[in-house]
Amino acid sequence: MSFHQSAEDITLDGSTLRARLRNVDGEWVDAELNLDEVLGNNNGKPLAVINTTRSSLHMYTCFE
């Protein structure tokens, strides 16, 4: 399910993205995400930081 189609009341407060997200039961739940923990900047290109295991971080450039 896309973020856009399953979110409402989306706000950005500094680096914290907040929204109400619909779960599989159709209920709305409050959620937040610190963007500094998952996004970065690689010489002007967006960088996604993905934690695939508890001990391994992978960084992906969003646009080449």
PDB file of N, CA and C in Angstrom:
ATOM      1  N   MET A   1       0.857  -1.175   0.000  1.00  0.00           N
ATOM      2  CA  MET A   1       0.000   0.000   0.000  1.00  0.00           C
ATOM      3  C   MET A   1       0.900   1.234   0.000  1.00  0.00           C
ATOM      4  N   SER A   2       0.611   2.183  -0.835  1.00  0.00           N
ATOM      5  CA  SER A   2       1.456   3.373  -0.908  1.00  0.00           C
ATOM      6  C   SER A   2       1.248   4.269   0.313  1.00  0.00           C
ATOM      7  N   PHE A   3       2.293   5.015   0.648  1.00  0.00           N
ATOM      8  CA  PHE A   3       2.203   5.966   1.764  1.00  0.00           C
ATOM      9  C   PHE A   3       1.112   6.988   1.486  1.00  0.00           C
ATOM     10  N   HIS A   4       1.120   7.549   0.298  1.00  0.00           N
ATOM     11  CA  HIS A   4       0.173   8.604  -0.055  1.00  0.00           C
ATOM     12  C   HIS A   4      -1.280   8.148   0.077  1.00  0.00           C
ATOM     13  N   GLN A   5      -1.578   6.929  -0.332  1.00  0.00           N
ATOM     14  CA  GLN A   5      -2.956   6.438  -0.300  1.00  0.00           C
ATOM     15  C   GLN A   5      -3.386   5.957   1.086  1.00  0.00           C
ATOM     16  N   SER A   6      -2.453   5.765   1.996  1.00  0.00           N
ATOM     17  CA  SER A   6      -2.814   5.217   3.300  1.00  0.00           C
ATOM     18  C   SER A   6      -2.468   6.151   4.449  1.00  0.00           C
ATOM     19  N   ALA A   7      -2.243   7.439   4.154  1.00  0.00           N
ATOM     20  CA  ALA A   7      -1.857   8.399   5.187  1.00  0.00           C
ATOM     21  C   ALA A   7      -2.749   9.634   5.141  1.00  0.00           C
ATOM     22  N   GLU A   8      -2.900  10.250   6.306  1.00  0.00           N
ATOM     23  CA  GLU A   8      -3.610  11.520   6.405  1.00  0.00           C
ATOM     24  C   GLU A   8      -2.927  12.366   7.477  1.00  0.00           C
ATOM     25  N   ASP A   9      -3.249  13.647   7.525  1.00  0.00           N
ATOM     26  CA  ASP A   9      -2.660  14.569   8.504  1.00  0.00           C
ATOM     27  C   ASP A   9      -1.137  14.489   8.495  1.00  0.00           C
ATOM     28  N   ILE A  10      -0.544  14.545   7.321  1.00  0.00           N
ATOM     29  CA  ILE A  10       0.901  14.436   7.160  1.00  0.00           C
ATOM     30  C   ILE A  10       1.556  15.784   7.485  1.00  0.00           C
ATOM     31  N   THR A  11       2.548  15.763   8.396  1.00  0.00           N
ATOM     32  CA  THR A  11       3.274  16.979   8.748  1.00  0.00           C
ATOM     33  C   THR A  11       4.767  16.667   8.837  1.00  0.00           C
ATOM     34  N   LEU A  12       5.562  17.716   8.676  1.00  0.00           N
ATOM     35  CA  LEU A  12       7.002  17.606   8.838  1.00  0.00           C
ATOM     36  C   LEU A  12       7.418  18.645   9.864  1.00  0.00           C
ATOM     37  N   ASP A  13       8.016  18.185  10.970  1.00  0.00           N
ATOM     38  CA  ASP A  13       8.471  19.057  12.047  1.00  0.00           C
ATOM     39  C   ASP A  13       9.974  18.854  12.189  1.00  0.00           C
ATOM     40  N   GLY A  14      10.742  19.750  11.582  1.00  0.00           N
ATOM     41  CA  GLY A  14      12.191  19.545  11.538  1.00  0.00           C
ATOM     42  C   GLY A  14      12.480  18.318  10.688  1.00  0.00           C
ATOM     43  N   SER A  15      13.123  17.317  11.286  1.00  0.00           N
ATOM     44  CA  SER A  15      13.414  16.088  10.541  1.00  0.00           C
ATOM     45  C   SER A  15      12.423  14.967  10.852  1.00  0.00           C
ATOM     46  N   THR A  16      11.357  15.279  11.603  1.00  0.00           N
ATOM     47  CA  THR A  16      10.385  14.255  11.980  1.00  0.00           C
ATOM     48  C   THR A  16       9.141  14.328  11.103  1.00  0.00           C
ATOM     49  N   LEU A  17       8.896  13.248  10.377  1.00  0.00           N
ATOM     50  CA  LEU A  17       7.696  13.115   9.552  1.00  0.00           C
ATOM     51  C   LEU A  17       6.626  12.456  10.415  1.00  0.00           C
ATOM     52  N   ARG A  18       5.473  13.093  10.522  1.00  0.00           N
ATOM     53  CA  ARG A  18       4.365  12.541  11.306  1.00  0.00           C
ATOM     54  C   ARG A  18       3.141  12.384  10.415  1.00  0.00           C
ATOM     55  N   ALA A  19       2.360  11.338  10.687  1.00  0.00           N
ATOM     56  CA  ALA A  19       1.130  11.104   9.928  1.00  0.00           C
ATOM     57  C   ALA A  19       0.254  10.130  10.685  1.00  0.00           C
ATOM     58  N   ARG A  20      -1.001  10.090  10.276  1.00  0.00           N
ATOM     59  CA  ARG A  20      -1.906   9.027  10.732  1.00  0.00           C
ATOM     60  C   ARG A  20      -1.953   8.031   9.585  1.00  0.00           C
ATOM     61  N   LEU A  21      -1.648   6.767   9.894  1.00  0.00           N
ATOM     62  CA  LEU A  21      -1.570   5.733   8.867  1.00  0.00           C
ATOM     63  C   LEU A  21      -2.648   4.689   9.080  1.00  0.00           C
ATOM     64  N   ARG A  22      -3.238   4.227   7.985  1.00  0.00           N
ATOM     65  CA  ARG A  22      -4.281   3.198   8.054  1.00  0.00           C
ATOM     66  C   ARG A  22      -3.616   1.825   8.131  1.00  0.00           C
ATOM     67  N   ASN A  23      -4.061   1.021   9.105  1.00  0.00           N
ATOM     68  CA  ASN A  23      -3.522  -0.339   9.220  1.00  0.00           C
ATOM     69  C   ASN A  23      -4.400  -1.313   8.428  1.00  0.00           C
ATOM     70  N   VAL A  24      -4.062  -2.604   8.471  1.00  0.00           N
ATOM     71  CA  VAL A  24      -4.790  -3.599   7.668  1.00  0.00           C
ATOM     72  C   VAL A  24      -6.244  -3.753   8.095  1.00  0.00           C
ATOM     73  N   ASP A  25      -6.571  -3.331   9.320  1.00  0.00           N
ATOM     74  CA  ASP A  25      -7.959  -3.390   9.793  1.00  0.00           C
ATOM     75  C   ASP A  25      -8.744  -2.131   9.441  1.00  0.00           C
ATOM     76  N   GLY A  26      -8.089  -1.184   8.746  1.00  0.00           N
ATOM     77  CA  GLY A  26      -8.753   0.048   8.356  1.00  0.00           C
ATOM     78  C   GLY A  26      -8.758   1.112   9.437  1.00  0.00           C
ATOM     79  N   GLU A  27      -8.073   0.861  10.555  1.00  0.00           N
ATOM     80  CA  GLU A  27      -8.001   1.836  11.650  1.00  0.00           C
ATOM     81  C   GLU A  27      -6.854   2.807  11.391  1.00  0.00           C
ATOM     82  N   TRP A  28      -6.998   4.030  11.885  1.00  0.00           N
ATOM     83  CA  TRP A  28      -5.954   5.046  11.746  1.00  0.00           C
ATOM     84  C   TRP A  28      -5.106   5.065  13.002  1.00  0.00           C
ATOM     85  N   VAL A  29      -3.790   4.998  12.826  1.00  0.00           N
ATOM     86  CA  VAL A  29      -2.859   5.013  13.957  1.00  0.00           C
ATOM     87  C   VAL A  29      -1.827   6.124  13.750  1.00  0.00           C
ATOM     88  N   ASP A  30      -1.410   6.746  14.842  1.00  0.00           N
ATOM     89  CA  ASP A  30      -0.390   7.792  14.775  1.00  0.00           C
ATOM     90  C   ASP A  30       0.977   7.151  14.556  1.00  0.00           C
ATOM     91  N   ALA A  31       1.780   7.772  13.698  1.00  0.00           N
ATOM     92  CA  ALA A  31       3.113   7.248  13.410  1.00  0.00           C
ATOM     93  C   ALA A  31       4.064   8.410  13.186  1.00  0.00           C
ATOM     94  N   GLU A  32       5.341   8.163  13.441  1.00  0.00           N
ATOM     95  CA  GLU A  32       6.350   9.173  13.149  1.00  0.00           C
ATOM     96  C   GLU A  32       7.642   8.487  12.733  1.00  0.00           C
ATOM     97  N   LEU A  33       8.441   9.226  11.963  1.00  0.00           N
ATOM     98  CA  LEU A  33       9.697   8.706  11.430  1.00  0.00           C
ATOM     99  C   LEU A  33      10.719   9.836  11.437  1.00  0.00           C
ATOM    100  N   ASN A  34      11.880   9.585  12.021  1.00  0.00           N
ATOM    101  CA  ASN A  34      12.966  10.559  11.986  1.00  0.00           C
ATOM    102  C   ASN A  34      13.691  10.384  10.659  1.00  0.00           C
ATOM    103  N   LEU A  35      13.522  11.332   9.760  1.00  0.00           N
ATOM    104  CA  LEU A  35      14.092  11.234   8.427  1.00  0.00           C
ATOM    105  C   LEU A  35      15.619  11.218   8.441  1.00  0.00           C
ATOM    106  N   ASP A  36      16.238  11.830   9.461  1.00  0.00           N
ATOM    107  CA  ASP A  36      17.688  11.807   9.559  1.00  0.00           C
ATOM    108  C   ASP A  36      18.225  10.391   9.739  1.00  0.00           C
ATOM    109  N   GLU A  37      17.396   9.473  10.202  1.00  0.00           N
ATOM    110  CA  GLU A  37      17.824   8.091  10.395  1.00  0.00           C
ATOM    111  C   GLU A  37      17.724   7.252   9.128  1.00  0.00           C
ATOM    112  N   VAL A  38      17.001   7.727   8.125  1.00  0.00           N
ATOM    113  CA  VAL A  38      16.797   6.924   6.912  1.00  0.00           C
ATOM    114  C   VAL A  38      17.160   7.627   5.614  1.00  0.00           C
ATOM    115  N   LEU A  39      17.395   8.938   5.665  1.00  0.00           N
ATOM    116  CA  LEU A  39      17.752   9.686   4.463  1.00  0.00           C
ATOM    117  C   LEU A  39      19.031  10.466   4.700  1.00  0.00           C
ATOM    118  N   GLY A  40      19.786  10.619   3.646  1.00  0.00           N
ATOM    119  CA  GLY A  40      21.008  11.402   3.727  1.00  0.00           C
ATOM    120  C   GLY A  40      21.249  12.142   2.433  1.00  0.00           C
ATOM    121  N   ASN A  41      22.436  12.716   2.322  1.00  0.00           N
ATOM    122  CA  ASN A  41      22.822  13.501   1.164  1.00  0.00           C
ATOM    123  C   ASN A  41      24.195  13.022   0.718  1.00  0.00           C
ATOM    124  N   ASN A  42      24.293  12.550  -0.503  1.00  0.00           N
ATOM    125  CA  ASN A  42      25.549  12.085  -1.067  1.00  0.00           C
ATOM    126  C   ASN A  42      25.951  13.021  -2.198  1.00  0.00           C
ATOM    127  N   ASN A  43      26.651  14.108  -1.839  1.00  0.00           N
ATOM    128  CA  ASN A  43      27.119  15.064  -2.828  1.00  0.00           C
ATOM    129  C   ASN A  43      25.977  15.608  -3.687  1.00  0.00           C
ATOM    130  N   GLY A  44      24.873  15.958  -3.043  1.00  0.00           N
ATOM    131  CA  GLY A  44      23.729  16.536  -3.749  1.00  0.00           C
ATOM    132  C   GLY A  44      22.712  15.537  -4.250  1.00  0.00           C
ATOM    133  N   LYS A  45      22.938  14.239  -3.990  1.00  0.00           N
ATOM    134  CA  LYS A  45      21.990  13.207  -4.402  1.00  0.00           C
ATOM    135  C   LYS A  45      21.352  12.589  -3.153  1.00  0.00           C
ATOM    136  N   PRO A  46      20.025  12.374  -3.176  1.00  0.00           N
ATOM    137  CA  PRO A  46      19.381  11.740  -2.025  1.00  0.00           C
ATOM    138  C   PRO A  46      19.979  10.358  -1.772  1.00  0.00           C
ATOM    139  N   LEU A  47      20.093  10.011  -0.502  1.00  0.00           N
ATOM    140  CA  LEU A  47      20.676   8.738  -0.106  1.00  0.00           C
ATOM    141  C   LEU A  47      19.739   8.070   0.890  1.00  0.00           C
ATOM    142  N   ALA A  48      19.324   6.839   0.604  1.00  0.00           N
ATOM    143  CA  ALA A  48      18.474   6.083   1.519  1.00  0.00           C
ATOM    144  C   ALA A  48      19.353   5.148   2.339  1.00  0.00           C
ATOM    145  N   VAL A  49      19.192   5.174   3.658  1.00  0.00           N
ATOM    146  CA  VAL A  49      19.934   4.300   4.552  1.00  0.00           C
ATOM    147  C   VAL A  49      18.962   3.238   5.040  1.00  0.00           C
ATOM    148  N   ILE A  50      19.255   1.984   4.702  1.00  0.00           N
ATOM    149  CA  ILE A  50      18.330   0.890   5.022  1.00  0.00           C
ATOM    150  C   ILE A  50      19.027  -0.099   5.940  1.00  0.00           C
ATOM    151  N   ASN A  51      18.425  -0.367   7.090  1.00  0.00           N
ATOM    152  CA  ASN A  51      18.960  -1.331   8.046  1.00  0.00           C
ATOM    153  C   ASN A  51      18.342  -2.684   7.723  1.00  0.00           C
ATOM    154  N   THR A  52      19.100  -3.557   7.040  1.00  0.00           N
ATOM    155  CA  THR A  52      18.561  -4.853   6.636  1.00  0.00           C
ATOM    156  C   THR A  52      18.708  -5.907   7.726  1.00  0.00           C
ATOM    157  N   THR A  53      19.646  -5.717   8.614  1.00  0.00           N
ATOM    158  CA  THR A  53      19.799  -6.585   9.786  1.00  0.00           C
ATOM    159  C   THR A  53      20.178  -5.687  10.946  1.00  0.00           C
ATOM    160  N   ARG A  54      20.191  -6.225  12.117  1.00  0.00           N
ATOM    161  CA  ARG A  54      20.529  -5.409  13.278  1.00  0.00           C
ATOM    162  C   ARG A  54      21.976  -4.906  13.229  1.00  0.00           C
ATOM    163  N   SER A  55      22.845  -5.576  12.500  1.00  0.00           N
ATOM    164  CA  SER A  55      24.255  -5.179  12.485  1.00  0.00           C
ATOM    165  C   SER A  55      24.723  -4.679  11.126  1.00  0.00           C
ATOM    166  N   SER A  56      23.840  -4.552  10.157  1.00  0.00           N
ATOM    167  CA  SER A  56      24.263  -4.191   8.811  1.00  0.00           C
ATOM    168  C   SER A  56      23.451  -3.017   8.279  1.00  0.00           C
ATOM    169  N   LEU A  57      24.142  -1.950   7.913  1.00  0.00           N
ATOM    170  CA  LEU A  57      23.494  -0.805   7.282  1.00  0.00           C
ATOM    171  C   LEU A  57      23.913  -0.758   5.823  1.00  0.00           C
ATOM    172  N   HIS A  58      22.952  -0.519   4.951  1.00  0.00           N
ATOM    173  CA  HIS A  58      23.232  -0.375   3.532  1.00  0.00           C
ATOM    174  C   HIS A  58      22.775   0.999   3.100  1.00  0.00           C
ATOM    175  N   MET A  59      23.560   1.665   2.264  1.00  0.00           N
ATOM    176  CA  MET A  59      23.195   2.972   1.763  1.00  0.00           C
ATOM    177  C   MET A  59      22.995   2.912   0.268  1.00  0.00           C
ATOM    178  N   TYR A  60      21.904   3.467  -0.200  1.00  0.00           N
ATOM    179  CA  TYR A  60      21.549   3.448  -1.607  1.00  0.00           C
ATOM    180  C   TYR A  60      21.329   4.867  -2.093  1.00  0.00           C
ATOM    181  N   THR A  61      21.946   5.206  -3.203  1.00  0.00           N
ATOM    182  CA  THR A  61      21.674   6.477  -3.830  1.00  0.00           C
ATOM    183  C   THR A  61      20.335   6.372  -4.541  1.00  0.00           C
ATOM    184  N   CYS A  62      19.458   7.321  -4.280  1.00  0.00           N
ATOM    185  CA  CYS A  62      18.113   7.267  -4.851  1.00  0.00           C
ATOM    186  C   CYS A  62      18.117   7.578  -6.351  1.00  0.00           C
ATOM    187  N   PHE A  63      19.005   8.442  -6.780  1.00  0.00           N
ATOM    188  CA  PHE A  63      19.057   8.841  -8.185  1.00  0.00           C
ATOM    189  C   PHE A  63      20.498   8.817  -8.638  1.00  0.00           C
ATOM    190  N   GLU A  64      20.757   8.148  -9.712  1.00  0.00           N
ATOM    191  CA  GLU A  64      22.123   8.082 -10.269  1.00  0.00           C
ATOM    192  C   GLU A  64      22.259   9.094 -11.377  1.00  0.00           C
TER     193      GLU A  64
END
